[in-house]
N, C-alpha and C. Protein backbone atom coordinates (compact mmCIF):
# COMPACT_ATOMS: atom_id res chain seq x y z
N MET A 1 -15.09 25.76 -0.69
CA MET A 1 -15.54 24.65 -0.87
C MET A 1 -14.51 23.57 -1.75
N ASN A 2 -14.74 22.53 -1.45
CA ASN A 2 -13.72 21.42 -2.23
C ASN A 2 -14.61 21.36 -3.15
N THR A 3 -13.74 21.38 -4.67
CA THR A 3 -14.83 21.11 -6.22
C THR A 3 -14.20 19.80 -6.74
N SER A 4 -13.66 18.87 -6.34
CA SER A 4 -13.30 17.90 -7.20
C SER A 4 -13.44 16.30 -6.27
N GLY A 5 -13.52 15.01 -6.92
CA GLY A 5 -13.61 14.17 -6.39
C GLY A 5 -14.61 13.59 -7.33
N ASP A 6 -15.24 12.02 -6.23
CA ASP A 6 -15.59 10.80 -6.93
C ASP A 6 -17.43 11.20 -6.47
N ALA A 7 -18.22 11.13 -7.66
CA ALA A 7 -19.31 10.85 -6.96
C ALA A 7 -20.23 9.92 -6.25
N GLY A 8 -19.53 9.06 -5.94
CA GLY A 8 -19.57 7.69 -5.14
C GLY A 8 -19.12 7.80 -4.01
N TYR A 9 -18.80 9.20 -3.06
CA TYR A 9 -18.30 9.62 -2.32
C TYR A 9 -19.05 9.55 -0.90
N GLY A 10 -20.05 9.41 -1.27
CA GLY A 10 -21.17 9.29 0.20
C GLY A 10 -22.45 9.67 -0.01
N VAL A 11 -23.18 10.28 1.20
CA VAL A 11 -24.54 10.97 1.22
C VAL A 11 -24.38 12.29 0.87
N GLY A 12 -25.72 12.91 0.73
CA GLY A 12 -25.78 14.41 0.47
C GLY A 12 -26.87 15.19 -0.41
N PRO A 13 -27.05 16.08 -0.19
CA PRO A 13 -27.73 16.76 -1.14
C PRO A 13 -27.51 17.21 -2.80
N VAL A 14 -28.36 17.62 -3.24
CA VAL A 14 -28.29 17.99 -4.65
C VAL A 14 -28.88 19.26 -5.05
N LEU A 15 -27.93 20.59 -4.94
CA LEU A 15 -28.42 22.09 -4.97
C LEU A 15 -29.04 22.60 -5.81
N HIS A 16 -30.05 23.01 -6.04
CA HIS A 16 -29.46 24.23 -6.80
C HIS A 16 -28.61 25.54 -6.63
N ALA A 17 -28.07 25.97 -7.05
CA ALA A 17 -26.96 27.15 -7.26
C ALA A 17 -27.41 28.38 -6.91
N THR A 18 -27.65 28.81 -6.04
CA THR A 18 -28.23 29.88 -5.21
C THR A 18 -27.74 30.09 -4.39
N PRO A 19 -27.68 32.01 -3.65
CA PRO A 19 -27.20 32.11 -2.58
C PRO A 19 -27.86 31.23 -1.22
N PHE A 20 -28.84 30.85 -1.07
CA PHE A 20 -29.60 30.18 -0.20
C PHE A 20 -29.03 28.34 -0.15
N ALA A 21 -28.92 27.92 -1.44
CA ALA A 21 -28.04 26.76 -1.13
C ALA A 21 -26.40 27.01 -0.94
N ARG A 22 -25.72 27.54 -1.25
CA ARG A 22 -24.47 27.99 -0.48
C ARG A 22 -24.53 28.27 0.68
N SER A 23 -25.53 28.93 1.27
CA SER A 23 -25.32 28.72 3.04
C SER A 23 -25.86 27.12 3.66
N VAL A 24 -26.39 26.58 2.69
CA VAL A 24 -26.51 25.20 3.37
C VAL A 24 -25.31 24.14 2.79
N VAL A 25 -24.63 24.65 2.00
CA VAL A 25 -23.19 23.83 2.41
C VAL A 25 -22.76 24.64 3.12
N SER A 26 -23.04 25.83 3.39
CA SER A 26 -21.60 26.28 4.38
C SER A 26 -22.24 25.40 5.79
N VAL A 27 -23.21 25.73 6.08
CA VAL A 27 -23.38 25.24 7.84
C VAL A 27 -22.73 23.57 7.38
N ILE A 28 -23.47 22.66 6.13
CA ILE A 28 -23.17 21.26 5.83
C ILE A 28 -22.01 21.56 6.03
N GLU A 29 -20.83 22.24 5.69
CA GLU A 29 -19.32 22.36 5.97
C GLU A 29 -18.97 22.32 7.89
N GLU A 30 -19.65 23.07 8.09
CA GLU A 30 -19.63 22.87 9.35
C GLU A 30 -20.07 22.32 10.42
N GLU A 31 -20.74 21.73 10.06
CA GLU A 31 -21.17 20.42 11.00
C GLU A 31 -20.93 19.08 10.16
N ASN A 32 -20.47 19.07 9.24
CA ASN A 32 -19.62 17.41 9.19
C ASN A 32 -18.02 17.49 8.90
N THR A 33 -17.52 16.39 8.96
CA THR A 33 -16.42 16.69 8.58
C THR A 33 -16.02 15.82 7.06
N HIS A 34 -15.22 16.12 6.57
CA HIS A 34 -14.51 15.52 5.23
C HIS A 34 -16.08 15.25 3.96
N VAL A 35 -16.19 16.73 4.06
CA VAL A 35 -17.41 17.31 2.98
C VAL A 35 -16.83 17.36 1.82
N LEU A 36 -17.12 16.66 0.90
CA LEU A 36 -16.82 17.24 -0.55
C LEU A 36 -18.16 17.72 -1.33
N VAL A 37 -17.69 19.03 -1.83
CA VAL A 37 -18.61 19.68 -2.72
C VAL A 37 -18.35 19.96 -4.16
N GLN A 38 -19.27 19.24 -4.76
CA GLN A 38 -18.76 19.62 -6.42
C GLN A 38 -19.31 20.40 -7.06
N ASP A 39 -18.88 21.28 -7.39
CA ASP A 39 -19.62 23.25 -7.87
C ASP A 39 -19.41 22.54 -9.43
N GLU A 40 -20.86 22.15 -10.10
CA GLU A 40 -21.21 21.85 -11.33
C GLU A 40 -21.76 23.08 -12.38
N GLY A 41 -22.18 24.32 -11.80
CA GLY A 41 -22.15 25.37 -12.27
C GLY A 41 -24.00 25.62 -11.93
N ALA A 42 -24.95 24.89 -12.15
CA ALA A 42 -25.97 25.27 -12.32
C ALA A 42 -26.39 24.27 -10.90
N TYR A 43 -25.33 23.55 -10.38
CA TYR A 43 -26.15 23.04 -9.10
C TYR A 43 -24.63 22.56 -8.66
N LEU A 44 -25.14 22.48 -6.97
CA LEU A 44 -23.91 21.81 -5.91
C LEU A 44 -24.39 20.29 -5.66
N ARG A 45 -23.46 19.20 -5.71
CA ARG A 45 -23.32 17.95 -5.74
C ARG A 45 -22.49 18.06 -4.26
N VAL A 46 -23.61 17.47 -2.69
CA VAL A 46 -22.72 17.82 -1.54
C VAL A 46 -22.47 16.24 -1.24
N LEU A 47 -21.28 15.85 -0.62
CA LEU A 47 -21.24 14.36 -0.19
C LEU A 47 -20.18 14.40 0.70
N VAL A 48 -21.03 13.53 1.85
CA VAL A 48 -20.26 13.07 2.73
C VAL A 48 -19.99 11.90 3.12
N PRO A 49 -18.94 11.26 3.60
CA PRO A 49 -18.88 9.92 4.03
C PRO A 49 -19.95 9.13 5.20
N TRP A 50 -20.87 8.49 4.86
CA TRP A 50 -21.95 7.84 5.95
C TRP A 50 -23.05 8.16 6.35
N VAL A 51 -22.77 9.84 6.61
CA VAL A 51 -23.64 10.53 7.50
C VAL A 51 -23.27 12.04 6.88
N CYS A 52 -24.80 12.69 6.49
CA CYS A 52 -24.76 13.95 6.71
C CYS A 52 -25.51 14.34 7.42
N ARG A 53 -25.18 15.89 7.83
CA ARG A 53 -26.51 16.17 9.00
C ARG A 53 -26.22 17.36 8.27
N LEU A 54 -28.27 18.54 8.59
CA LEU A 54 -28.00 19.90 8.36
C LEU A 54 -29.05 19.55 9.61
N SER A 55 -28.55 21.08 10.33
CA SER A 55 -29.39 21.81 11.18
C SER A 55 -30.07 23.13 10.95
N ARG A 56 -31.73 22.98 11.05
CA ARG A 56 -32.36 23.95 10.73
C ARG A 56 -31.34 25.47 12.11
N ALA A 57 -31.31 25.07 12.93
CA ALA A 57 -31.04 26.19 13.51
C ALA A 57 -29.63 26.66 13.07
N GLY A 58 -28.74 25.39 12.94
CA GLY A 58 -27.44 26.32 11.83
C GLY A 58 -27.99 27.17 10.80
N LEU A 59 -28.86 26.58 10.19
CA LEU A 59 -29.11 27.55 8.53
C LEU A 59 -29.94 28.84 9.17
N GLU A 60 -30.28 29.12 10.31
CA GLU A 60 -31.11 29.62 10.31
C GLU A 60 -30.14 31.17 11.05
N ALA A 61 -28.94 30.58 11.76
CA ALA A 61 -27.68 31.44 12.24
C ALA A 61 -26.61 31.75 11.28
N ALA A 62 -27.15 30.75 10.04
CA ALA A 62 -25.94 31.34 8.92
C ALA A 62 -26.93 32.49 8.10
N THR A 63 -28.10 32.35 7.81
CA THR A 63 -29.06 33.22 6.90
C THR A 63 -29.71 34.15 7.85
N GLY A 64 -29.53 34.44 8.74
CA GLY A 64 -30.72 34.78 9.63
C GLY A 64 -31.78 35.14 9.30
N PHE A 65 -32.91 34.47 8.90
CA PHE A 65 -34.21 34.18 8.46
C PHE A 65 -34.37 33.23 9.75
N VAL A 66 -35.52 33.18 9.64
CA VAL A 66 -36.50 31.68 9.94
C VAL A 66 -36.65 30.70 9.25
N ILE A 67 -36.48 29.68 8.86
CA ILE A 67 -36.37 28.38 8.33
C ILE A 67 -37.27 27.40 8.67
N ARG A 68 -37.96 26.55 7.95
CA ARG A 68 -38.96 25.92 8.06
C ARG A 68 -38.54 24.37 7.14
N PHE A 69 -39.00 23.79 8.38
CA PHE A 69 -38.29 22.40 7.68
C PHE A 69 -39.63 21.52 8.07
N PRO A 70 -40.12 20.35 7.03
CA PRO A 70 -40.05 20.51 5.75
C PRO A 70 -40.49 21.87 5.17
N GLY A 71 -39.89 22.23 4.00
CA GLY A 71 -40.61 23.10 3.16
C GLY A 71 -39.16 24.02 2.41
N ASP A 72 -38.66 24.97 3.14
CA ASP A 72 -37.77 25.77 2.35
C ASP A 72 -36.68 24.62 1.88
N LEU A 73 -35.80 23.76 2.63
CA LEU A 73 -34.97 22.85 2.03
C LEU A 73 -35.02 22.72 0.40
N GLU A 74 -36.29 21.69 0.33
CA GLU A 74 -36.46 21.46 -0.72
C GLU A 74 -37.01 22.30 -2.10
N VAL A 75 -37.13 23.68 -1.76
CA VAL A 75 -36.99 24.59 -3.10
C VAL A 75 -35.57 24.81 -3.84
N VAL A 76 -34.85 23.99 -2.93
CA VAL A 76 -33.34 24.13 -3.71
C VAL A 76 -32.51 23.03 -4.10
N MET A 77 -33.58 21.83 -3.42
CA MET A 77 -32.61 20.72 -3.61
C MET A 77 -33.57 19.81 -4.68
N SER A 78 -32.71 19.31 -5.62
CA SER A 78 -33.47 18.85 -6.72
C SER A 78 -33.07 17.13 -6.47
N SER A 79 -32.36 17.17 -5.84
CA SER A 79 -31.84 15.47 -5.56
C SER A 79 -31.22 15.18 -4.03
N PHE A 80 -31.13 14.01 -4.20
CA PHE A 80 -29.81 13.64 -2.76
C PHE A 80 -29.19 12.12 -3.05
N SER A 81 -28.81 11.98 -2.65
CA SER A 81 -28.00 10.18 -2.76
C SER A 81 -27.90 9.89 -1.15
N GLY A 82 -28.47 9.00 -0.93
CA GLY A 82 -28.24 7.96 0.10
C GLY A 82 -30.12 8.45 0.92
N VAL A 83 -30.07 7.63 1.84
CA VAL A 83 -31.72 7.80 2.32
C VAL A 83 -31.80 9.01 3.53
N MET A 84 -32.82 10.29 2.85
CA MET A 84 -32.67 11.13 3.80
C MET A 84 -34.34 10.90 4.77
N GLN A 85 -33.23 11.67 5.80
CA GLN A 85 -34.63 11.72 7.27
C GLN A 85 -35.37 13.43 7.40
N LEU A 86 -36.18 13.69 7.26
CA LEU A 86 -36.57 14.74 7.67
C LEU A 86 -37.20 15.56 8.51
N THR A 87 -36.69 16.20 9.79
CA THR A 87 -37.67 16.80 10.80
C THR A 87 -37.77 18.04 10.76
N GLU A 88 -38.56 18.52 12.07
CA GLU A 88 -38.84 20.16 11.78
C GLU A 88 -37.11 20.88 12.25
N ASP A 89 -36.79 20.04 12.95
CA ASP A 89 -34.97 20.51 13.45
C ASP A 89 -34.01 19.83 12.36
N SER A 90 -33.71 19.12 11.88
CA SER A 90 -33.06 18.85 10.81
C SER A 90 -33.34 18.07 9.77
N ALA A 91 -32.36 18.23 8.84
CA ALA A 91 -31.99 16.64 7.40
C ALA A 91 -31.18 15.81 7.82
N VAL A 92 -31.12 14.71 7.60
CA VAL A 92 -29.94 13.93 7.50
C VAL A 92 -30.26 12.68 6.80
N TRP A 93 -29.18 12.81 5.70
CA TRP A 93 -29.02 11.64 4.92
C TRP A 93 -27.96 10.79 5.22
N ARG A 94 -28.32 9.23 5.38
CA ARG A 94 -27.00 8.23 5.44
C ARG A 94 -27.16 6.96 4.20
N LEU A 95 -26.56 6.67 4.67
CA LEU A 95 -26.45 5.29 3.59
C LEU A 95 -27.32 4.45 3.94
N ALA A 96 -28.11 3.61 3.26
CA ALA A 96 -28.74 3.01 3.46
C ALA A 96 -28.83 1.49 4.81
N ARG A 97 -27.69 1.70 4.69
CA ARG A 97 -27.05 0.32 5.50
C ARG A 97 -26.32 1.08 6.59
N GLU A 98 -26.78 2.41 7.37
CA GLU A 98 -25.89 2.99 8.20
C GLU A 98 -27.48 3.11 9.32
N PRO A 99 -27.28 3.12 10.27
CA PRO A 99 -28.10 3.44 11.68
C PRO A 99 -29.01 4.69 11.01
N SER A 100 -30.13 4.93 12.06
CA SER A 100 -30.71 5.57 11.85
C SER A 100 -30.28 7.10 12.56
N ALA A 101 -30.88 8.09 12.21
CA ALA A 101 -29.83 9.25 12.41
C ALA A 101 -29.94 9.54 14.41
N GLU A 102 -30.84 9.00 15.43
CA GLU A 102 -30.61 9.08 16.33
C GLU A 102 -29.65 8.10 16.72
N THR A 103 -29.11 7.09 15.90
CA THR A 103 -28.10 6.29 16.39
C THR A 103 -26.84 6.35 15.90
N ALA A 104 -26.85 7.54 14.48
CA ALA A 104 -25.71 7.65 14.11
C ALA A 104 -24.51 8.49 14.52
N VAL A 105 -23.29 8.67 14.81
CA VAL A 105 -22.36 9.44 14.80
C VAL A 105 -22.92 10.66 14.47
N PRO A 106 -22.32 11.15 15.97
CA PRO A 106 -22.69 12.73 16.28
C PRO A 106 -22.25 14.25 15.66
N MET A 107 -22.53 14.76 14.98
CA MET A 107 -22.38 15.81 14.50
C MET A 107 -20.83 16.42 15.09
N ALA A 108 -19.85 16.90 13.75
CA ALA A 108 -18.53 17.63 14.16
C ALA A 108 -18.61 18.18 15.52
N ASP A 109 -19.52 19.33 15.70
CA ASP A 109 -19.43 19.84 16.85
C ASP A 109 -19.88 19.26 18.09
N GLY A 110 -20.06 17.59 17.89
CA GLY A 110 -20.38 17.14 18.72
C GLY A 110 -21.98 16.97 19.13
N ARG A 111 -23.02 17.46 18.55
CA ARG A 111 -24.53 17.48 19.01
C ARG A 111 -24.56 15.94 17.97
């Protein structure tokens, strides 16, 4: 986890520092490039330039649990930066001036 940087760096969730939230961070780091994580003790601020993606499938693989979107993510997410789009399969945070999730830059693994 990278723990330094500027809060104006990009978009992403602010998560209560729980084991589940750390799994969320891990999956975001796998599915995106240039991820910045600020560990503030009680919470984790995740920032990615332009677009931050989180797949439900990736989170299920990381945790070994069935994950429900919407629902399970919001329990640990106290805030976020950017515009958020949440579907049954993914969460996407983007800058307001960036294209929608359907036309945005693909995930780091090509999805």
